Amino acid sequence: IISSTQNINDTTPPTLFQMLIYAALLG
């Protein structure tokens, strides 16, 4: 979703910390 909307909405990619939090929760 981020990749498909980034060019249109100039979405800021998540930081590594945010990604790790998401990964832990997903895990």
PDB file of all heavy atoms in Angstrom:
ATOM      1  N   ILE A   1       0.839  -1.204   0.000  1.00  0.00           N
ATOM      2  CA  ILE A   1       0.000   0.000   0.000  1.00  0.00           C
ATOM      3  C   ILE A   1       0.873   1.253   0.000  1.00  0.00           C
ATOM      4  O   ILE A   1       0.622   2.207  -0.739  1.00  0.00           O
ATOM      5  CB  ILE A   1      -0.945   0.004   1.214  1.00  0.00           C
ATOM      6  CG1 ILE A   1      -1.995  -1.091   1.061  1.00  0.00           C
ATOM      7  CG2 ILE A   1      -1.601   1.368   1.383  1.00  0.00           C
ATOM      8  CD1 ILE A   1      -2.884  -1.264   2.264  1.00  0.00           C
ATOM      9  N   ILE A   2       1.940   1.233   0.812  1.00  0.00           N
ATOM     10  CA  ILE A   2       2.851   2.374   0.862  1.00  0.00           C
ATOM     11  C   ILE A   2       3.502   2.597  -0.495  1.00  0.00           C
ATOM     12  O   ILE A   2       3.568   3.718  -1.003  1.00  0.00           O
ATOM     13  CB  ILE A   2       3.925   2.169   1.950  1.00  0.00           C
ATOM     14  CG1 ILE A   2       3.290   2.275   3.333  1.00  0.00           C
ATOM     15  CG2 ILE A   2       5.050   3.193   1.817  1.00  0.00           C
ATOM     16  CD1 ILE A   2       4.193   1.841   4.460  1.00  0.00           C
ATOM     17  N   SER A   3       3.971   1.510  -1.125  1.00  0.00           N
ATOM     18  CA  SER A   3       4.635   1.613  -2.425  1.00  0.00           C
ATOM     19  C   SER A   3       3.693   2.128  -3.498  1.00  0.00           C
ATOM     20  O   SER A   3       4.074   2.920  -4.351  1.00  0.00           O
ATOM     21  CB  SER A   3       5.190   0.240  -2.842  1.00  0.00           C
ATOM     22  OG  SER A   3       6.182  -0.184  -1.949  1.00  0.00           O
ATOM     23  N   SER A   4       2.442   1.672  -3.456  1.00  0.00           N
ATOM     24  CA  SER A   4       1.494   2.050  -4.505  1.00  0.00           C
ATOM     25  C   SER A   4       0.963   3.465  -4.338  1.00  0.00           C
ATOM     26  O   SER A   4       0.454   4.054  -5.287  1.00  0.00           O
ATOM     27  CB  SER A   4       0.319   1.056  -4.526  1.00  0.00           C
ATOM     28  OG  SER A   4      -0.386   1.097  -3.309  1.00  0.00           O
ATOM     29  N   THR A   5       1.097   4.051  -3.130  1.00  0.00           N
ATOM     30  CA  THR A   5       0.563   5.400  -2.902  1.00  0.00           C
ATOM     31  C   THR A   5       1.652   6.440  -2.689  1.00  0.00           C
ATOM     32  O   THR A   5       1.350   7.622  -2.654  1.00  0.00           O
ATOM     33  CB  THR A   5      -0.358   5.407  -1.663  1.00  0.00           C
ATOM     34  OG1 THR A   5       0.394   5.000  -0.513  1.00  0.00           O
ATOM     35  CG2 THR A   5      -1.534   4.474  -1.852  1.00  0.00           C
ATOM     36  N   GLN A   6       2.877   6.007  -2.573  1.00  0.00           N
ATOM     37  CA  GLN A   6       3.946   6.931  -2.191  1.00  0.00           C
ATOM     38  C   GLN A   6       4.141   8.048  -3.204  1.00  0.00           C
ATOM     39  O   GLN A   6       4.279   9.208  -2.851  1.00  0.00           O
ATOM     40  CB  GLN A   6       5.257   6.164  -2.013  1.00  0.00           C
ATOM     41  CG  GLN A   6       6.354   7.007  -1.386  1.00  0.00           C
ATOM     42  CD  GLN A   6       7.546   6.163  -0.997  1.00  0.00           C
ATOM     43  OE1 GLN A   6       7.573   4.970  -1.206  1.00  0.00           O
ATOM     44  NE2 GLN A   6       8.550   6.796  -0.443  1.00  0.00           N
ATOM     45  N   ASN A   7       4.126   7.708  -4.480  1.00  0.00           N
ATOM     46  CA  ASN A   7       4.349   8.716  -5.516  1.00  0.00           C
ATOM     47  C   ASN A   7       3.187   9.711  -5.603  1.00  0.00           C
ATOM     48  O   ASN A   7       3.374  10.865  -5.942  1.00  0.00           O
ATOM     49  CB  ASN A   7       4.543   8.041  -6.876  1.00  0.00           C
ATOM     50  CG  ASN A   7       5.841   7.252  -6.924  1.00  0.00           C
ATOM     51  OD1 ASN A   7       6.782   7.564  -6.205  1.00  0.00           O
ATOM     52  ND2 ASN A   7       5.882   6.226  -7.754  1.00  0.00           N
ATOM     53  N   ILE A   8       1.999   9.204  -5.261  1.00  0.00           N
ATOM     54  CA  ILE A   8       0.821  10.061  -5.384  1.00  0.00           C
ATOM     55  C   ILE A   8       0.698  10.995  -4.185  1.00  0.00           C
ATOM     56  O   ILE A   8       0.497  12.190  -4.309  1.00  0.00           O
ATOM     57  CB  ILE A   8      -0.458   9.191  -5.496  1.00  0.00           C
ATOM     58  CG1 ILE A   8      -0.371   8.325  -6.761  1.00  0.00           C
ATOM     59  CG2 ILE A   8      -1.699  10.059  -5.529  1.00  0.00           C
ATOM     60  CD1 ILE A   8      -1.502   7.306  -6.867  1.00  0.00           C
ATOM     61  N   ASN A   9       0.837  10.464  -3.006  1.00  0.00           N
ATOM     62  CA  ASN A   9       0.599  11.237  -1.787  1.00  0.00           C
ATOM     63  C   ASN A   9       1.874  11.649  -1.067  1.00  0.00           C
ATOM     64  O   ASN A   9       1.813  12.240   0.006  1.00  0.00           O
ATOM     65  CB  ASN A   9      -0.274  10.421  -0.828  1.00  0.00           C
ATOM     66  CG  ASN A   9      -1.609  10.048  -1.432  1.00  0.00           C
ATOM     67  OD1 ASN A   9      -2.193  10.835  -2.159  1.00  0.00           O
ATOM     68  ND2 ASN A   9      -2.081   8.851  -1.145  1.00  0.00           N
ATOM     69  N   ASP A  10       3.025  11.310  -1.643  1.00  0.00           N
ATOM     70  CA  ASP A  10       4.320  11.617  -1.025  1.00  0.00           C
ATOM     71  C   ASP A  10       4.373  11.080   0.409  1.00  0.00           C
ATOM     72  O   ASP A  10       4.778  11.766   1.344  1.00  0.00           O
ATOM     73  CB  ASP A  10       4.562  13.131  -1.033  1.00  0.00           C
ATOM     74  CG  ASP A  10       6.026  13.459  -0.715  1.00  0.00           C
ATOM     75  OD1 ASP A  10       6.889  12.606  -0.999  1.00  0.00           O
ATOM     76  OD2 ASP A  10       6.285  14.552  -0.169  1.00  0.00           O
ATOM     77  N   THR A  11       3.916   9.825   0.557  1.00  0.00           N
ATOM     78  CA  THR A  11       3.869   9.197   1.870  1.00  0.00           C
ATOM     79  C   THR A  11       5.280   8.941   2.388  1.00  0.00           C
ATOM     80  O   THR A  11       6.139   8.456   1.671  1.00  0.00           O
ATOM     81  CB  THR A  11       3.110   7.851   1.783  1.00  0.00           C
ATOM     82  OG1 THR A  11       1.827   8.092   1.226  1.00  0.00           O
ATOM     83  CG2 THR A  11       2.956   7.226   3.156  1.00  0.00           C
ATOM     84  N   THR A  12       5.522   9.258   3.644  1.00  0.00           N
ATOM     85  CA  THR A  12       6.826   8.999   4.253  1.00  0.00           C
ATOM     86  C   THR A  12       6.914   7.529   4.641  1.00  0.00           C
ATOM     87  O   THR A  12       6.050   7.031   5.358  1.00  0.00           O
ATOM     88  CB  THR A  12       7.006   9.863   5.517  1.00  0.00           C
ATOM     89  OG1 THR A  12       6.872  11.229   5.149  1.00  0.00           O
ATOM     90  CG2 THR A  12       8.374   9.614   6.135  1.00  0.00           C
ATOM     91  N   PRO A  13       7.943   6.818   4.182  1.00  0.00           N
ATOM     92  CA  PRO A  13       8.083   5.405   4.528  1.00  0.00           C
ATOM     93  C   PRO A  13       8.270   5.250   6.036  1.00  0.00           C
ATOM     94  O   PRO A  13       8.781   6.143   6.707  1.00  0.00           O
ATOM     95  CB  PRO A  13       9.347   4.986   3.778  1.00  0.00           C
ATOM     96  CG  PRO A  13       9.543   6.004   2.716  1.00  0.00           C
ATOM     97  CD  PRO A  13       8.999   7.280   3.281  1.00  0.00           C
ATOM     98  N   PRO A  14       7.842   4.116   6.582  1.00  0.00           N
ATOM     99  CA  PRO A  14       8.001   3.911   8.022  1.00  0.00           C
ATOM    100  C   PRO A  14       9.473   3.803   8.405  1.00  0.00           C
ATOM    101  O   PRO A  14      10.296   3.360   7.612  1.00  0.00           O
ATOM    102  CB  PRO A  14       7.267   2.578   8.271  1.00  0.00           C
ATOM    103  CG  PRO A  14       7.294   1.883   6.940  1.00  0.00           C
ATOM    104  CD  PRO A  14       7.213   2.971   5.919  1.00  0.00           C
ATOM    105  N   THR A  15       9.805   4.215   9.620  1.00  0.00           N
ATOM    106  CA  THR A  15      11.175   4.082  10.104  1.00  0.00           C
ATOM    107  C   THR A  15      11.424   2.615  10.447  1.00  0.00           C
ATOM    108  O   THR A  15      10.496   1.810  10.540  1.00  0.00           O
ATOM    109  CB  THR A  15      11.389   4.933  11.363  1.00  0.00           C
ATOM    110  OG1 THR A  15      10.543   4.420  12.408  1.00  0.00           O
ATOM    111  CG2 THR A  15      11.053   6.391  11.092  1.00  0.00           C
ATOM    112  N   LEU A  16      12.700   2.276  10.649  1.00  0.00           N
ATOM    113  CA  LEU A  16      13.052   0.911  11.019  1.00  0.00           C
ATOM    114  C   LEU A  16      12.400   0.535  12.348  1.00  0.00           C
ATOM    115  O   LEU A  16      11.903  -0.588  12.516  1.00  0.00           O
ATOM    116  CB  LEU A  16      14.569   0.758  11.116  1.00  0.00           C
ATOM    117  CG  LEU A  16      15.081  -0.645  11.486  1.00  0.00           C
ATOM    118  CD1 LEU A  16      14.620  -1.681  10.475  1.00  0.00           C
ATOM    119  CD2 LEU A  16      16.609  -0.634  11.606  1.00  0.00           C
ATOM    120  N   PHE A  17      12.372   1.488  13.294  1.00  0.00           N
ATOM    121  CA  PHE A  17      11.752   1.213  14.590  1.00  0.00           C
ATOM    122  C   PHE A  17      10.264   0.901  14.427  1.00  0.00           C
ATOM    123  O   PHE A  17       9.746  -0.045  15.027  1.00  0.00           O
ATOM    124  CB  PHE A  17      11.940   2.413  15.523  1.00  0.00           C
ATOM    125  CG  PHE A  17      11.277   2.251  16.859  1.00  0.00           C
ATOM    126  CD1 PHE A  17      11.832   1.413  17.827  1.00  0.00           C
ATOM    127  CD2 PHE A  17      10.085   2.908  17.152  1.00  0.00           C
ATOM    128  CE1 PHE A  17      11.206   1.238  19.063  1.00  0.00           C
ATOM    129  CE2 PHE A  17       9.461   2.744  18.377  1.00  0.00           C
ATOM    130  CZ  PHE A  17      10.023   1.909  19.336  1.00  0.00           C
ATOM    131  N   GLN A  18       9.578   1.695  13.614  1.00  0.00           N
ATOM    132  CA  GLN A  18       8.153   1.455  13.371  1.00  0.00           C
ATOM    133  C   GLN A  18       7.941   0.097  12.720  1.00  0.00           C
ATOM    134  O   GLN A  18       7.003  -0.634  13.049  1.00  0.00           O
ATOM    135  CB  GLN A  18       7.574   2.560  12.483  1.00  0.00           C
ATOM    136  CG  GLN A  18       7.485   3.908  13.163  1.00  0.00           C
ATOM    137  CD  GLN A  18       7.100   5.023  12.202  1.00  0.00           C
ATOM    138  OE1 GLN A  18       7.475   5.002  11.022  1.00  0.00           O
ATOM    139  NE2 GLN A  18       6.371   6.018  12.699  1.00  0.00           N
ATOM    140  N   MET A  19       8.839  -0.245  11.788  1.00  0.00           N
ATOM    141  CA  MET A  19       8.730  -1.522  11.105  1.00  0.00           C
ATOM    142  C   MET A  19       8.954  -2.691  12.065  1.00  0.00           C
ATOM    143  O   MET A  19       8.276  -3.719  11.982  1.00  0.00           O
ATOM    144  CB  MET A  19       9.738  -1.597   9.947  1.00  0.00           C
ATOM    145  CG  MET A  19       9.535  -2.778   9.027  1.00  0.00           C
ATOM    146  SD  MET A  19      10.582  -2.700   7.564  1.00  0.00           S
ATOM    147  CE  MET A  19       9.826  -1.336   6.703  1.00  0.00           C
ATOM    148  N   LEU A  20       9.897  -2.519  13.000  1.00  0.00           N
ATOM    149  CA  LEU A  20      10.168  -3.571  13.982  1.00  0.00           C
ATOM    150  C   LEU A  20       8.988  -3.762  14.932  1.00  0.00           C
ATOM    151  O   LEU A  20       8.671  -4.895  15.302  1.00  0.00           O
ATOM    152  CB  LEU A  20      11.438  -3.245  14.768  1.00  0.00           C
ATOM    153  CG  LEU A  20      12.760  -3.388  14.018  1.00  0.00           C
ATOM    154  CD1 LEU A  20      13.926  -2.943  14.896  1.00  0.00           C
ATOM    155  CD2 LEU A  20      12.964  -4.824  13.541  1.00  0.00           C
ATOM    156  N   ILE A  21       8.356  -2.643  15.317  1.00  0.00           N
ATOM    157  CA  ILE A  21       7.168  -2.738  16.172  1.00  0.00           C
ATOM    158  C   ILE A  21       6.074  -3.504  15.433  1.00  0.00           C
ATOM    159  O   ILE A  21       5.427  -4.404  15.989  1.00  0.00           O
ATOM    160  CB  ILE A  21       6.657  -1.346  16.588  1.00  0.00           C
ATOM    161  CG1 ILE A  21       7.677  -0.645  17.495  1.00  0.00           C
ATOM    162  CG2 ILE A  21       5.304  -1.449  17.280  1.00  0.00           C
ATOM    163  CD1 ILE A  21       7.934  -1.354  18.808  1.00  0.00           C
ATOM    164  N   TYR A  22       5.868  -3.140  14.176  1.00  0.00           N
ATOM    165  CA  TYR A  22       4.859  -3.832  13.368  1.00  0.00           C
ATOM    166  C   TYR A  22       5.217  -5.307  13.221  1.00  0.00           C
ATOM    167  O   TYR A  22       4.350  -6.183  13.341  1.00  0.00           O
ATOM    168  CB  TYR A  22       4.732  -3.175  11.988  1.00  0.00           C
ATOM    169  CG  TYR A  22       3.793  -3.936  11.076  1.00  0.00           C
ATOM    170  CD1 TYR A  22       2.413  -3.803  11.213  1.00  0.00           C
ATOM    171  CD2 TYR A  22       4.286  -4.799  10.103  1.00  0.00           C
ATOM    172  CE1 TYR A  22       1.548  -4.515  10.396  1.00  0.00           C
ATOM    173  CE2 TYR A  22       3.424  -5.515   9.288  1.00  0.00           C
ATOM    174  CZ  TYR A  22       2.057  -5.367   9.439  1.00  0.00           C
ATOM    175  OH  TYR A  22       1.203  -6.084   8.637  1.00  0.00           O
ATOM    176  N   ALA A  23       6.507  -5.579  12.974  1.00  0.00           N
ATOM    177  CA  ALA A  23       6.957  -6.967  12.802  1.00  0.00           C
ATOM    178  C   ALA A  23       6.720  -7.783  14.065  1.00  0.00           C
ATOM    179  O   ALA A  23       6.260  -8.928  14.003  1.00  0.00           O
ATOM    180  CB  ALA A  23       8.440  -6.989  12.435  1.00  0.00           C
ATOM    181  N   ALA A  24       7.020  -7.201  15.232  1.00  0.00           N
ATOM    182  CA  ALA A  24       6.822  -7.901  16.499  1.00  0.00           C
ATOM    183  C   ALA A  24       5.341  -8.190  16.738  1.00  0.00           C
ATOM    184  O   ALA A  24       4.968  -9.300  17.147  1.00  0.00           O
ATOM    185  CB  ALA A  24       7.398  -7.090  17.650  1.00  0.00           C
ATOM    186  N   LEU A  25       4.502  -7.184  16.459  1.00  0.00           N
ATOM    187  CA  LEU A  25       3.061  -7.379  16.634  1.00  0.00           C
ATOM    188  C   LEU A  25       2.530  -8.414  15.652  1.00  0.00           C
ATOM    189  O   LEU A  25       1.715  -9.272  16.013  1.00  0.00           O
ATOM    190  CB  LEU A  25       2.322  -6.041  16.452  1.00  0.00           C
ATOM    191  CG  LEU A  25       2.584  -4.987  17.530  1.00  0.00           C
ATOM    192  CD1 LEU A  25       1.912  -3.665  17.160  1.00  0.00           C
ATOM    193  CD2 LEU A  25       2.085  -5.478  18.890  1.00  0.00           C
ATOM    194  N   LEU A  26       2.998  -8.320  14.409  1.00  0.00           N
ATOM    195  CA  LEU A  26       2.601  -9.308  13.407  1.00  0.00           C
ATOM    196  C   LEU A  26       3.057 -10.699  13.833  1.00  0.00           C
ATOM    197  O   LEU A  26       2.336 -11.690  13.682  1.00  0.00           O
ATOM    198  CB  LEU A  26       3.202  -8.949  12.041  1.00  0.00           C
ATOM    199  CG  LEU A  26       2.943  -9.943  10.899  1.00  0.00           C
ATOM    200  CD1 LEU A  26       1.446 -10.081  10.642  1.00  0.00           C
ATOM    201  CD2 LEU A  26       3.661  -9.497   9.640  1.00  0.00           C
ATOM    202  N   GLY A  27       4.283 -10.772  14.388  1.00  0.00           N
ATOM    203  CA  GLY A  27       4.809 -12.049  14.857  1.00  0.00           C
ATOM    204  C   GLY A  27       3.978 -12.633  15.985  1.00  0.00           C
ATOM    205  O   GLY A  27       3.726 -13.839  16.023  1.00  0.00           O
TER     206      GLY A  27
END
